[in-house]
Amino acid sequence: QLQASGGGLVQAGGSLRLSCAASGRTSSSYVVGWFRQAPGKEREFVAAISRISGSTHYADSVKGRFTISRDNAKNMVYLQMNSLKPEDTAVYYCALDLSSLLSTTPRRYDYWGQGTQVTVSS
């Protein structure tokens, strides 16, 4: 089970930190990804991190502004979002992939949390 939290309303240029809590029976090796979906648009990849290696991958649109991190002891994954832009407005979802691949494709992910709304005002 995944639980995403931390969304809210922020002005352009501001910051938010999203959290994703993983609970239940999971293997020790998996990938957690963040995706987002704006109204009328397809769900798009934002960032992913490997629980074991800590390797990360980012969408070009967020590279240099967003940072994904993990706390294995707490089974938590975070998405620090800085220099937010109005185009970052979307519902953000965390998802878990039981493979070790840093996939950018939503259908590769096995479990999904509920979304958390991020709204960036101009």
PDB file of N, CA and C in Angstrom:
ATOM      1  N   GLN A   1       0.843  -1.190   0.000  1.00  0.00           N
ATOM      2  CA  GLN A   1       0.000   0.000   0.000  1.00  0.00           C
ATOM      3  C   GLN A   1       0.881   1.243   0.000  1.00  0.00           C
ATOM      4  N   LEU A   2       0.475   2.231  -0.775  1.00  0.00           N
ATOM      5  CA  LEU A   2       1.226   3.474  -0.870  1.00  0.00           C
ATOM      6  C   LEU A   2       0.339   4.630  -0.461  1.00  0.00           C
ATOM      7  N   GLN A   3       0.910   5.569   0.248  1.00  0.00           N
ATOM      8  CA  GLN A   3       0.173   6.746   0.704  1.00  0.00           C
ATOM      9  C   GLN A   3       0.990   7.976   0.371  1.00  0.00           C
ATOM     10  N   ALA A   4       0.450   8.803  -0.515  1.00  0.00           N
ATOM     11  CA  ALA A   4       1.119  10.048  -0.892  1.00  0.00           C
ATOM     12  C   ALA A   4       0.517  11.203  -0.114  1.00  0.00           C
ATOM     13  N   SER A   5       1.360  12.154   0.238  1.00  0.00           N
ATOM     14  CA  SER A   5       0.898  13.331   0.967  1.00  0.00           C
ATOM     15  C   SER A   5       1.829  14.494   0.697  1.00  0.00           C
ATOM     16  N   GLY A   6       1.418  15.688   1.122  1.00  0.00           N
ATOM     17  CA  GLY A   6       2.281  16.856   1.037  1.00  0.00           C
ATOM     18  C   GLY A   6       1.905  17.869  -0.017  1.00  0.00           C
ATOM     19  N   GLY A   7       0.873  17.581  -0.792  1.00  0.00           N
ATOM     20  CA  GLY A   7       0.467  18.531  -1.807  1.00  0.00           C
ATOM     21  C   GLY A   7      -0.134  19.786  -1.196  1.00  0.00           C
ATOM     22  N   GLY A   8      -0.361  20.776  -2.038  1.00  0.00           N
ATOM     23  CA  GLY A   8      -0.955  22.015  -1.562  1.00  0.00           C
ATOM     24  C   GLY A   8      -0.902  23.086  -2.624  1.00  0.00           C
ATOM     25  N   LEU A   9      -1.190  24.306  -2.182  1.00  0.00           N
ATOM     26  CA  LEU A   9      -1.180  25.478  -3.054  1.00  0.00           C
ATOM     27  C   LEU A   9       0.061  26.301  -2.744  1.00  0.00           C
ATOM     28  N   VAL A  10       0.806  26.650  -3.782  1.00  0.00           N
ATOM     29  CA  VAL A  10       2.030  27.419  -3.595  1.00  0.00           C
ATOM     30  C   VAL A  10       2.173  28.390  -4.752  1.00  0.00           C
ATOM     31  N   GLN A  11       2.834  29.498  -4.496  1.00  0.00           N
ATOM     32  CA  GLN A  11       3.081  30.472  -5.550  1.00  0.00           C
ATOM     33  C   GLN A  11       4.250  30.016  -6.423  1.00  0.00           C
ATOM     34  N   ALA A  12       4.260  30.496  -7.639  1.00  0.00           N
ATOM     35  CA  ALA A  12       5.360  30.186  -8.546  1.00  0.00           C
ATOM     36  C   ALA A  12       6.686  30.585  -7.895  1.00  0.00           C
ATOM     37  N   GLY A  13       7.666  29.722  -8.046  1.00  0.00           N
ATOM     38  CA  GLY A  13       8.957  29.943  -7.415  1.00  0.00           C
ATOM     39  C   GLY A  13       9.087  29.313  -6.040  1.00  0.00           C
ATOM     40  N   GLY A  14       7.973  28.851  -5.514  1.00  0.00           N
ATOM     41  CA  GLY A  14       7.976  28.252  -4.186  1.00  0.00           C
ATOM     42  C   GLY A  14       8.367  26.787  -4.207  1.00  0.00           C
ATOM     43  N   SER A  15       8.263  26.176  -3.034  1.00  0.00           N
ATOM     44  CA  SER A  15       8.691  24.780  -2.866  1.00  0.00           C
ATOM     45  C   SER A  15       7.632  23.975  -2.128  1.00  0.00           C
ATOM     46  N   LEU A  16       7.619  22.690  -2.405  1.00  0.00           N
ATOM     47  CA  LEU A  16       6.803  21.731  -1.674  1.00  0.00           C
ATOM     48  C   LEU A  16       7.595  20.436  -1.579  1.00  0.00           C
ATOM     49  N   ARG A  17       7.307  19.665  -0.535  1.00  0.00           N
ATOM     50  CA  ARG A  17       7.890  18.335  -0.428  1.00  0.00           C
ATOM     51  C   ARG A  17       6.775  17.307  -0.326  1.00  0.00           C
ATOM     52  N   LEU A  18       6.749  16.402  -1.266  1.00  0.00           N
ATOM     53  CA  LEU A  18       5.781  15.311  -1.247  1.00  0.00           C
ATOM     54  C   LEU A  18       6.403  14.096  -0.564  1.00  0.00           C
ATOM     55  N   SER A  19       5.565  13.346   0.118  1.00  0.00           N
ATOM     56  CA  SER A  19       6.011  12.131   0.789  1.00  0.00           C
ATOM     57  C   SER A  19       5.212  10.947   0.287  1.00  0.00           C
ATOM     58  N   CYS A  20       5.860   9.804   0.229  1.00  0.00           N
ATOM     59  CA  CYS A  20       5.198   8.561  -0.164  1.00  0.00           C
ATOM     60  C   CYS A  20       5.581   7.493   0.845  1.00  0.00           C
ATOM     61  N   ALA A  21       4.592   6.987   1.556  1.00  0.00           N
ATOM     62  CA  ALA A  21       4.824   5.949   2.556  1.00  0.00           C
ATOM     63  C   ALA A  21       4.415   4.603   1.996  1.00  0.00           C
ATOM     64  N   ALA A  22       5.334   3.644   2.078  1.00  0.00           N
ATOM     65  CA  ALA A  22       5.048   2.283   1.617  1.00  0.00           C
ATOM     66  C   ALA A  22       4.817   1.391   2.821  1.00  0.00           C
ATOM     67  N   SER A  23       3.726   0.642   2.799  1.00  0.00           N
ATOM     68  CA  SER A  23       3.433  -0.259   3.909  1.00  0.00           C
ATOM     69  C   SER A  23       2.991  -1.602   3.363  1.00  0.00           C
ATOM     70  N   GLY A  24       2.914  -2.582   4.254  1.00  0.00           N
ATOM     71  CA  GLY A  24       2.523  -3.918   3.829  1.00  0.00           C
ATOM     72  C   GLY A  24       3.732  -4.740   3.447  1.00  0.00           C
ATOM     73  N   ARG A  25       3.496  -5.884   2.858  1.00  0.00           N
ATOM     74  CA  ARG A  25       4.574  -6.796   2.518  1.00  0.00           C
ATOM     75  C   ARG A  25       5.174  -6.403   1.185  1.00  0.00           C
ATOM     76  N   THR A  26       6.408  -5.988   1.207  1.00  0.00           N
ATOM     77  CA  THR A  26       7.104  -5.641  -0.030  1.00  0.00           C
ATOM     78  C   THR A  26       8.471  -6.305  -0.009  1.00  0.00           C
ATOM     79  N   SER A  27       9.008  -6.525  -1.166  1.00  0.00           N
ATOM     80  CA  SER A  27      10.373  -7.036  -1.234  1.00  0.00           C
ATOM     81  C   SER A  27      11.334  -5.923  -0.855  1.00  0.00           C
ATOM     82  N   SER A  28      12.590  -6.275  -0.680  1.00  0.00           N
ATOM     83  CA  SER A  28      13.576  -5.257  -0.331  1.00  0.00           C
ATOM     84  C   SER A  28      14.063  -4.501  -1.549  1.00  0.00           C
ATOM     85  N   SER A  29      13.793  -5.037  -2.718  1.00  0.00           N
ATOM     86  CA  SER A  29      14.274  -4.412  -3.946  1.00  0.00           C
ATOM     87  C   SER A  29      13.096  -3.953  -4.775  1.00  0.00           C
ATOM     88  N   TYR A  30      12.924  -2.667  -4.869  1.00  0.00           N
ATOM     89  CA  TYR A  30      11.880  -2.128  -5.731  1.00  0.00           C
ATOM     90  C   TYR A  30      12.214  -0.690  -6.082  1.00  0.00           C
ATOM     91  N   VAL A  31      11.448  -0.177  -6.979  1.00  0.00           N
ATOM     92  CA  VAL A  31      11.604   1.205  -7.445  1.00  0.00           C
ATOM     93  C   VAL A  31      10.334   1.971  -7.098  1.00  0.00           C
ATOM     94  N   VAL A  32      10.499   3.172  -6.626  1.00  0.00           N
ATOM     95  CA  VAL A  32       9.358   4.058  -6.406  1.00  0.00           C
ATOM     96  C   VAL A  32       9.445   5.206  -7.395  1.00  0.00           C
ATOM     97  N   GLY A  33       8.357   5.434  -8.065  1.00  0.00           N
ATOM     98  CA  GLY A  33       8.295   6.520  -9.024  1.00  0.00           C
ATOM     99  C   GLY A  33       7.231   7.534  -8.661  1.00  0.00           C
ATOM    100  N   TRP A  34       7.453   8.749  -9.085  1.00  0.00           N
ATOM    101  CA  TRP A  34       6.448   9.802  -8.986  1.00  0.00           C
ATOM    102  C   TRP A  34       5.959  10.119 -10.392  1.00  0.00           C
ATOM    103  N   PHE A  35       4.662  10.210 -10.526  1.00  0.00           N
ATOM    104  CA  PHE A  35       4.025  10.597 -11.780  1.00  0.00           C
ATOM    105  C   PHE A  35       3.077  11.760 -11.484  1.00  0.00           C
ATOM    106  N   ARG A  36       2.668  12.444 -12.531  1.00  0.00           N
ATOM    107  CA  ARG A  36       1.691  13.507 -12.342  1.00  0.00           C
ATOM    108  C   ARG A  36       0.718  13.526 -13.514  1.00  0.00           C
ATOM    109  N   GLN A  37      -0.460  14.031 -13.231  1.00  0.00           N
ATOM    110  CA  GLN A  37      -1.487  14.103 -14.257  1.00  0.00           C
ATOM    111  C   GLN A  37      -2.262  15.395 -14.109  1.00  0.00           C
ATOM    112  N   ALA A  38      -2.171  16.218 -15.136  1.00  0.00           N
ATOM    113  CA  ALA A  38      -2.914  17.464 -15.181  1.00  0.00           C
ATOM    114  C   ALA A  38      -4.250  17.211 -15.875  1.00  0.00           C
ATOM    115  N   PRO A  39      -5.237  18.058 -15.630  1.00  0.00           N
ATOM    116  CA  PRO A  39      -6.550  17.859 -16.267  1.00  0.00           C
ATOM    117  C   PRO A  39      -6.443  17.795 -17.780  1.00  0.00           C
ATOM    118  N   GLY A  40      -7.049  16.778 -18.360  1.00  0.00           N
ATOM    119  CA  GLY A  40      -7.060  16.642 -19.807  1.00  0.00           C
ATOM    120  C   GLY A  40      -5.771  16.116 -20.411  1.00  0.00           C
ATOM    121  N   LYS A  41      -4.827  15.759 -19.554  1.00  0.00           N
ATOM    122  CA  LYS A  41      -3.543  15.264 -20.056  1.00  0.00           C
ATOM    123  C   LYS A  41      -3.281  13.854 -19.561  1.00  0.00           C
ATOM    124  N   GLU A  42      -2.372  13.174 -20.236  1.00  0.00           N
ATOM    125  CA  GLU A  42      -1.994  11.839 -19.814  1.00  0.00           C
ATOM    126  C   GLU A  42      -1.071  11.902 -18.601  1.00  0.00           C
ATOM    127  N   ARG A  43      -1.061  10.801 -17.868  1.00  0.00           N
ATOM    128  CA  ARG A  43      -0.159  10.705 -16.721  1.00  0.00           C
ATOM    129  C   ARG A  43       1.275  10.686 -17.225  1.00  0.00           C
ATOM    130  N   GLU A  44       2.128  11.503 -16.621  1.00  0.00           N
ATOM    131  CA  GLU A  44       3.496  11.590 -17.082  1.00  0.00           C
ATOM    132  C   GLU A  44       4.484  11.321 -15.955  1.00  0.00           C
ATOM    133  N   PHE A  45       5.605  10.759 -16.336  1.00  0.00           N
ATOM    134  CA  PHE A  45       6.674  10.431 -15.406  1.00  0.00           C
ATOM    135  C   PHE A  45       7.342  11.698 -14.893  1.00  0.00           C
ATOM    136  N   VAL A  46       7.683  11.675 -13.601  1.00  0.00           N
ATOM    137  CA  VAL A  46       8.391  12.798 -12.990  1.00  0.00           C
ATOM    138  C   VAL A  46       9.783  12.370 -12.530  1.00  0.00           C
ATOM    139  N   ALA A  47       9.843  11.333 -11.683  1.00  0.00           N
ATOM    140  CA  ALA A  47      11.120  10.893 -11.133  1.00  0.00           C
ATOM    141  C   ALA A  47      10.961   9.495 -10.565  1.00  0.00           C
ATOM    142  N   ALA A  48      12.084   8.796 -10.435  1.00  0.00           N
ATOM    143  CA  ALA A  48      12.063   7.455  -9.858  1.00  0.00           C
ATOM    144  C   ALA A  48      13.361   7.220  -9.104  1.00  0.00           C
ATOM    145  N   ILE A  49      13.282   6.332  -8.106  1.00  0.00           N
ATOM    146  CA  ILE A  49      14.452   6.006  -7.303  1.00  0.00           C
ATOM    147  C   ILE A  49      14.439   4.522  -6.963  1.00  0.00           C
ATOM    148  N   SER A  50      15.621   3.930  -6.975  1.00  0.00           N
ATOM    149  CA  SER A  50      15.770   2.527  -6.586  1.00  0.00           C
ATOM    150  C   SER A  50      15.965   2.441  -5.077  1.00  0.00           C
ATOM    151  N   ARG A  51      15.191   1.575  -4.425  1.00  0.00           N
ATOM    152  CA  ARG A  51      15.313   1.430  -2.984  1.00  0.00           C
ATOM    153  C   ARG A  51      16.691   0.896  -2.602  1.00  0.00           C
ATOM    154  N   ILE A  52      17.204  -0.028  -3.381  1.00  0.00           N
ATOM    155  CA  ILE A  52      18.467  -0.675  -3.024  1.00  0.00           C
ATOM    156  C   ILE A  52      19.670   0.210  -3.334  1.00  0.00           C
ATOM    157  N   SER A  53      19.762   0.686  -4.569  1.00  0.00           N
ATOM    158  CA  SER A  53      20.969   1.395  -4.998  1.00  0.00           C
ATOM    159  C   SER A  53      20.902   2.894  -4.789  1.00  0.00           C
ATOM    160  N   GLY A  54      19.688   3.423  -4.701  1.00  0.00           N
ATOM    161  CA  GLY A  54      19.547   4.870  -4.608  1.00  0.00           C
ATOM    162  C   GLY A  54      19.673   5.570  -5.945  1.00  0.00           C
ATOM    163  N   SER A  55      19.820   4.807  -7.014  1.00  0.00           N
ATOM    164  CA  SER A  55      19.900   5.418  -8.345  1.00  0.00           C
ATOM    165  C   SER A  55      18.604   6.158  -8.640  1.00  0.00           C
ATOM    166  N   THR A  56      18.739   7.268  -9.359  1.00  0.00           N
ATOM    167  CA  THR A  56      17.579   8.096  -9.666  1.00  0.00           C
ATOM    168  C   THR A  56      17.495   8.399 -11.152  1.00  0.00           C
ATOM    169  N   HIS A  57      16.310   8.789 -11.551  1.00  0.00           N
ATOM    170  CA  HIS A  57      16.074   9.213 -12.936  1.00  0.00           C
ATOM    171  C   HIS A  57      14.995  10.280 -12.912  1.00  0.00           C
ATOM    172  N   TYR A  58      15.176  11.318 -13.716  1.00  0.00           N
ATOM    173  CA  TYR A  58      14.245  12.432 -13.728  1.00  0.00           C
ATOM    174  C   TYR A  58      13.747  12.724 -15.142  1.00  0.00           C
ATOM    175  N   ALA A  59      12.532  13.241 -15.198  1.00  0.00           N
ATOM    176  CA  ALA A  59      12.051  13.793 -16.458  1.00  0.00           C
ATOM    177  C   ALA A  59      12.822  15.083 -16.738  1.00  0.00           C
ATOM    178  N   ASP A  60      13.050  15.361 -17.997  1.00  0.00           N
ATOM    179  CA  ASP A  60      13.800  16.570 -18.356  1.00  0.00           C
ATOM    180  C   ASP A  60      13.130  17.829 -17.823  1.00  0.00           C
ATOM    181  N   SER A  61      11.815  17.802 -17.749  1.00  0.00           N
ATOM    182  CA  SER A  61      11.071  18.994 -17.346  1.00  0.00           C
ATOM    183  C   SER A  61      11.281  19.372 -15.882  1.00  0.00           C
ATOM    184  N   VAL A  62      11.774  18.436 -15.073  1.00  0.00           N
ATOM    185  CA  VAL A  62      11.945  18.727 -13.648  1.00  0.00           C
ATOM    186  C   VAL A  62      13.406  18.641 -13.208  1.00  0.00           C
ATOM    187  N   LYS A  63      14.275  18.231 -14.108  1.00  0.00           N
ATOM    188  CA  LYS A  63      15.676  18.061 -13.766  1.00  0.00           C
ATOM    189  C   LYS A  63      16.257  19.379 -13.277  1.00  0.00           C
ATOM    190  N   GLY A  64      16.964  19.319 -12.150  1.00  0.00           N
ATOM    191  CA  GLY A  64      17.548  20.521 -11.582  1.00  0.00           C
ATOM    192  C   GLY A  64      16.627  21.268 -10.634  1.00  0.00           C
ATOM    193  N   ARG A  65      15.345  20.933 -10.647  1.00  0.00           N
ATOM    194  CA  ARG A  65      14.379  21.591  -9.750  1.00  0.00           C
ATOM    195  C   ARG A  65      13.825  20.629  -8.708  1.00  0.00           C
ATOM    196  N   PHE A  66      13.628  19.394  -9.099  1.00  0.00           N
ATOM    197  CA  PHE A  66      13.058  18.373  -8.209  1.00  0.00           C
ATOM    198  C   PHE A  66      14.151  17.403  -7.787  1.00  0.00           C
ATOM    199  N   THR A  67      14.025  16.914  -6.560  1.00  0.00           N
ATOM    200  CA  THR A  67      14.951  15.904  -6.053  1.00  0.00           C
ATOM    201  C   THR A  67      14.164  14.788  -5.384  1.00  0.00           C
ATOM    202  N   ILE A  68      14.411  13.559  -5.814  1.00  0.00           N
ATOM    203  CA  ILE A  68      13.780  12.400  -5.199  1.00  0.00           C
ATOM    204  C   ILE A  68      14.778  11.759  -4.249  1.00  0.00           C
ATOM    205  N   SER A  69      14.290  11.337  -3.092  1.00  0.00           N
ATOM    206  CA  SER A  69      15.165  10.705  -2.104  1.00  0.00           C
ATOM    207  C   SER A  69      14.379   9.633  -1.360  1.00  0.00           C
ATOM    208  N   ARG A  70      15.114   8.841  -0.574  1.00  0.00           N
ATOM    209  CA  ARG A  70      14.448   7.753   0.153  1.00  0.00           C
ATOM    210  C   ARG A  70      14.999   7.641   1.551  1.00  0.00           C
ATOM    211  N   ASP A  71      14.181   7.108   2.438  1.00  0.00           N
ATOM    212  CA  ASP A  71      14.588   6.749   3.779  1.00  0.00           C
ATOM    213  C   ASP A  71      14.141   5.310   3.981  1.00  0.00           C
ATOM    214  N   ASN A  72      15.063   4.380   3.754  1.00  0.00           N
ATOM    215  CA  ASN A  72      14.700   2.962   3.780  1.00  0.00           C
ATOM    216  C   ASN A  72      14.229   2.513   5.161  1.00  0.00           C
ATOM    217  N   ALA A  73      14.787   3.084   6.192  1.00  0.00           N
ATOM    218  CA  ALA A  73      14.402   2.683   7.552  1.00  0.00           C
ATOM    219  C   ALA A  73      12.932   2.984   7.823  1.00  0.00           C
ATOM    220  N   LYS A  74      12.439   4.034   7.192  1.00  0.00           N
ATOM    221  CA  LYS A  74      11.048   4.440   7.399  1.00  0.00           C
ATOM    222  C   LYS A  74      10.141   4.020   6.234  1.00  0.00           C
ATOM    223  N   ASN A  75      10.718   3.376   5.224  1.00  0.00           N
ATOM    224  CA  ASN A  75       9.958   3.019   4.012  1.00  0.00           C
ATOM    225  C   ASN A  75       9.271   4.241   3.414  1.00  0.00           C
ATOM    226  N   MET A  76      10.033   5.317   3.324  1.00  0.00           N
ATOM    227  CA  MET A  76       9.515   6.567   2.799  1.00  0.00           C
ATOM    228  C   MET A  76      10.310   7.005   1.573  1.00  0.00           C
ATOM    229  N   VAL A  77       9.620   7.627   0.647  1.00  0.00           N
ATOM    230  CA  VAL A  77      10.249   8.271  -0.507  1.00  0.00           C
ATOM    231  C   VAL A  77       9.716   9.695  -0.568  1.00  0.00           C
ATOM    232  N   TYR A  78      10.616  10.627  -0.867  1.00  0.00           N
ATOM    233  CA  TYR A  78      10.261  12.041  -0.881  1.00  0.00           C
ATOM    234  C   TYR A  78      10.520  12.641  -2.261  1.00  0.00           C
ATOM    235  N   LEU A  79       9.740  13.655  -2.568  1.00  0.00           N
ATOM    236  CA  LEU A  79       9.974  14.434  -3.776  1.00  0.00           C
ATOM    237  C   LEU A  79      10.027  15.897  -3.366  1.00  0.00           C
ATOM    238  N   GLN A  80      11.234  16.441  -3.320  1.00  0.00           N
ATOM    239  CA  GLN A  80      11.420  17.851  -3.013  1.00  0.00           C
ATOM    240  C   GLN A  80      11.283  18.637  -4.306  1.00  0.00           C
ATOM    241  N   MET A  81      10.339  19.554  -4.322  1.00  0.00           N
ATOM    242  CA  MET A  81      10.057  20.315  -5.539  1.00  0.00           C
ATOM    243  C   MET A  81      10.352  21.783  -5.273  1.00  0.00           C
ATOM    244  N   ASN A  82      11.350  22.303  -5.962  1.00  0.00           N
ATOM    245  CA  ASN A  82      11.751  23.705  -5.834  1.00  0.00           C
ATOM    246  C   ASN A  82      11.491  24.454  -7.135  1.00  0.00           C
ATOM    247  N   SER A  83      11.508  25.759  -7.053  1.00  0.00           N
ATOM    248  CA  SER A  83      11.309  26.610  -8.237  1.00  0.00           C
ATOM    249  C   SER A  83      10.073  26.164  -9.021  1.00  0.00           C
ATOM    250  N   LEU A  84       8.995  25.978  -8.307  1.00  0.00           N
ATOM    251  CA  LEU A  84       7.781  25.467  -8.941  1.00  0.00           C
ATOM    252  C   LEU A  84       7.214  26.451  -9.942  1.00  0.00           C
ATOM    253  N   LYS A  85       6.641  25.888 -10.997  1.00  0.00           N
ATOM    254  CA  LYS A  85       6.056  26.672 -12.076  1.00  0.00           C
ATOM    255  C   LYS A  85       4.567  26.330 -12.195  1.00  0.00           C
ATOM    256  N   PRO A  86       3.772  27.223 -12.744  1.00  0.00           N
ATOM    257  CA  PRO A  86       2.348  26.907 -12.932  1.00  0.00           C
ATOM    258  C   PRO A  86       2.133  25.613 -13.721  1.00  0.00           C
ATOM    259  N   GLU A  87       3.018  25.313 -14.628  1.00  0.00           N
ATOM    260  CA  GLU A  87       2.872  24.079 -15.422  1.00  0.00           C
ATOM    261  C   GLU A  87       3.166  22.808 -14.619  1.00  0.00           C
ATOM    262  N   ASP A  88       3.629  22.968 -13.393  1.00  0.00           N
ATOM    263  CA  ASP A  88       3.796  21.804 -12.507  1.00  0.00           C
ATOM    264  C   ASP A  88       2.482  21.426 -11.824  1.00  0.00           C
ATOM    265  N   THR A  89       1.467  22.224 -12.006  1.00  0.00           N
ATOM    266  CA  THR A  89       0.170  21.943 -11.394  1.00  0.00           C
ATOM    267  C   THR A  89      -0.395  20.632 -11.918  1.00  0.00           C
ATOM    268  N   ALA A  90      -0.719  19.734 -11.002  1.00  0.00           N
ATOM    269  CA  ALA A  90      -1.221  18.412 -11.372  1.00  0.00           C
ATOM    270  C   ALA A  90      -1.533  17.636 -10.098  1.00  0.00           C
ATOM    271  N   VAL A  91      -2.166  16.489 -10.292  1.00  0.00           N
ATOM    272  CA  VAL A  91      -2.261  15.516  -9.209  1.00  0.00           C
ATOM    273  C   VAL A  91      -1.018  14.636  -9.298  1.00  0.00           C
ATOM    274  N   TYR A  92      -0.312  14.530  -8.205  1.00  0.00           N
ATOM    275  CA  TYR A  92       0.914  13.748  -8.155  1.00  0.00           C
ATOM    276  C   TYR A  92       0.650  12.397  -7.491  1.00  0.00           C
ATOM    277  N   TYR A  93       1.162  11.347  -8.125  1.00  0.00           N
ATOM    278  CA  TYR A  93       0.976   9.981  -7.644  1.00  0.00           C
ATOM    279  C   TYR A  93       2.339   9.338  -7.398  1.00  0.00           C
ATOM    280  N   CYS A  94       2.436   8.534  -6.337  1.00  0.00           N
ATOM    281  CA  CYS A  94       3.607   7.681  -6.206  1.00  0.00           C
ATOM    282  C   CYS A  94       3.200   6.254  -6.556  1.00  0.00           C
ATOM    283  N   ALA A  95       4.156   5.519  -7.088  1.00  0.00           N
ATOM    284  CA  ALA A  95       3.888   4.168  -7.555  1.00  0.00           C
ATOM    285  C   ALA A  95       5.098   3.294  -7.282  1.00  0.00           C
ATOM    286  N   LEU A  96       4.863   1.999  -7.177  1.00  0.00           N
ATOM    287  CA  LEU A  96       5.921   1.053  -6.838  1.00  0.00           C
ATOM    288  C   LEU A  96       6.053   0.010  -7.931  1.00  0.00           C
ATOM    289  N   ASP A  97       7.286  -0.181  -8.355  1.00  0.00           N
ATOM    290  CA  ASP A  97       7.614  -1.168  -9.383  1.00  0.00           C
ATOM    291  C   ASP A  97       8.473  -2.244  -8.743  1.00  0.00           C
ATOM    292  N   LEU A  98       8.008  -3.497  -8.789  1.00  0.00           N
ATOM    293  CA  LEU A  98       8.735  -4.573  -8.139  1.00  0.00           C
ATOM    294  C   LEU A  98       9.994  -4.995  -8.896  1.00  0.00           C
ATOM    295  N   SER A  99      10.192  -4.488 -10.080  1.00  0.00           N
ATOM    296  CA  SER A  99      11.440  -4.764 -10.786  1.00  0.00           C
ATOM    297  C   SER A  99      12.491  -3.770 -10.306  1.00  0.00           C
ATOM    298  N   SER A 100      13.685  -3.917 -10.794  1.00  0.00           N
ATOM    299  CA  SER A 100      14.767  -3.011 -10.403  1.00  0.00           C
ATOM    300  C   SER A 100      15.037  -1.951 -11.461  1.00  0.00           C
ATOM    301  N   LEU A 101      14.120  -1.828 -12.413  1.00  0.00           N
ATOM    302  CA  LEU A 101      14.334  -0.887 -13.506  1.00  0.00           C
ATOM    303  C   LEU A 101      13.729   0.470 -13.173  1.00  0.00           C
ATOM    304  N   LEU A 102      14.418   1.526 -13.517  1.00  0.00           N
ATOM    305  CA  LEU A 102      13.906   2.880 -13.305  1.00  0.00           C
ATOM    306  C   LEU A 102      13.024   3.240 -14.503  1.00  0.00           C
ATOM    307  N   SER A 103      11.841   2.640 -14.524  1.00  0.00           N
ATOM    308  CA  SER A 103      10.968   2.805 -15.673  1.00  0.00           C
ATOM    309  C   SER A 103      10.235   4.140 -15.634  1.00  0.00           C
ATOM    310  N   THR A 104      10.013   4.668 -16.822  1.00  0.00           N
ATOM    311  CA  THR A 104       9.238   5.907 -16.957  1.00  0.00           C
ATOM    312  C   THR A 104       7.811   5.624 -17.419  1.00  0.00           C
ATOM    313  N   THR A 105       7.481   4.354 -17.586  1.00  0.00           N
ATOM    314  CA  THR A 105       6.187   3.963 -18.142  1.00  0.00           C
ATOM    315  C   THR A 105       5.216   3.581 -17.038  1.00  0.00           C
ATOM    316  N   PRO A 106       4.082   4.245 -16.937  1.00  0.00           N
ATOM    317  CA  PRO A 106       3.143   3.938 -15.848  1.00  0.00           C
ATOM    318  C   PRO A 106       2.736   2.465 -15.778  1.00  0.00           C
ATOM    319  N   ARG A 107       2.565   1.810 -16.910  1.00  0.00           N
ATOM    320  CA  ARG A 107       2.056   0.434 -16.873  1.00  0.00           C
ATOM    321  C   ARG A 107       3.074  -0.552 -16.298  1.00  0.00           C
ATOM    322  N   ARG A 108       4.305  -0.113 -16.138  1.00  0.00           N
ATOM    323  CA  ARG A 108       5.308  -0.987 -15.537  1.00  0.00           C
ATOM    324  C   ARG A 108       5.200  -1.037 -14.014  1.00  0.00           C
ATOM    325  N   TYR A 109       4.454  -0.122 -13.452  1.00  0.00           N
ATOM    326  CA  TYR A 109       4.363  -0.024 -11.999  1.00  0.00           C
ATOM    327  C   TYR A 109       3.208  -0.880 -11.477  1.00  0.00           C
ATOM    328  N   ASP A 110       3.471  -1.562 -10.376  1.00  0.00           N
ATOM    329  CA  ASP A 110       2.548  -2.571  -9.873  1.00  0.00           C
ATOM    330  C   ASP A 110       1.533  -2.024  -8.870  1.00  0.00           C
ATOM    331  N   TYR A 111       1.929  -1.052  -8.117  1.00  0.00           N
ATOM    332  CA  TYR A 111       1.049  -0.496  -7.086  1.00  0.00           C
ATOM    333  C   TYR A 111       1.054   1.023  -7.171  1.00  0.00           C
ATOM    334  N   TRP A 112      -0.109   1.590  -6.881  1.00  0.00           N
ATOM    335  CA  TRP A 112      -0.264   3.039  -6.952  1.00  0.00           C
ATOM    336  C   TRP A 112      -0.910   3.565  -5.673  1.00  0.00           C
ATOM    337  N   GLY A 113      -0.447   4.733  -5.259  1.00  0.00           N
ATOM    338  CA  GLY A 113      -1.095   5.408  -4.155  1.00  0.00           C
ATOM    339  C   GLY A 113      -2.168   6.346  -4.684  1.00  0.00           C
ATOM    340  N   GLN A 114      -2.927   6.907  -3.768  1.00  0.00           N
ATOM    341  CA  GLN A 114      -3.886   7.920  -4.180  1.00  0.00           C
ATOM    342  C   GLN A 114      -3.102   9.187  -4.500  1.00  0.00           C
ATOM    343  N   GLY A 115      -3.638  10.061  -5.274  1.00  0.00           N
ATOM    344  CA  GLY A 115      -2.913  11.255  -5.665  1.00  0.00           C
ATOM    345  C   GLY A 115      -2.975  12.347  -4.619  1.00  0.00           C
ATOM    346  N   THR A 116      -2.068  13.286  -4.749  1.00  0.00           N
ATOM    347  CA  THR A 116      -2.080  14.485  -3.928  1.00  0.00           C
ATOM    348  C   THR A 116      -1.984  15.689  -4.857  1.00  0.00           C
ATOM    349  N   GLN A 117      -2.856  16.658  -4.642  1.00  0.00           N
ATOM    350  CA  GLN A 117      -2.954  17.791  -5.559  1.00  0.00           C
ATOM    351  C   GLN A 117      -1.865  18.812  -5.283  1.00  0.00           C
ATOM    352  N   VAL A 118      -1.195  19.220  -6.339  1.00  0.00           N
ATOM    353  CA  VAL A 118      -0.232  20.315  -6.274  1.00  0.00           C
ATOM    354  C   VAL A 118      -0.729  21.410  -7.211  1.00  0.00           C
ATOM    355  N   THR A 119      -0.910  22.598  -6.667  1.00  0.00           N
ATOM    356  CA  THR A 119      -1.372  23.733  -7.460  1.00  0.00           C
ATOM    357  C   THR A 119      -0.374  24.864  -7.309  1.00  0.00           C
ATOM    358  N   VAL A 120       0.149  25.340  -8.429  1.00  0.00           N
ATOM    359  CA  VAL A 120       1.120  26.426  -8.430  1.00  0.00           C
ATOM    360  C   VAL A 120       0.471  27.636  -9.089  1.00  0.00           C
ATOM    361  N   SER A 121       0.338  28.700  -8.337  1.00  0.00           N
ATOM    362  CA  SER A 121      -0.296  29.902  -8.858  1.00  0.00           C
ATOM    363  C   SER A 121       0.758  30.840  -9.435  1.00  0.00           C
ATOM    364  N   SER A 122       0.365  31.563 -10.456  1.00  0.00           N
ATOM    365  CA  SER A 122       1.308  32.480 -11.114  1.00  0.00           C
ATOM    366  C   SER A 122       1.263  33.859 -10.485  1.00  0.00           C
TER     367      SER A 122
END
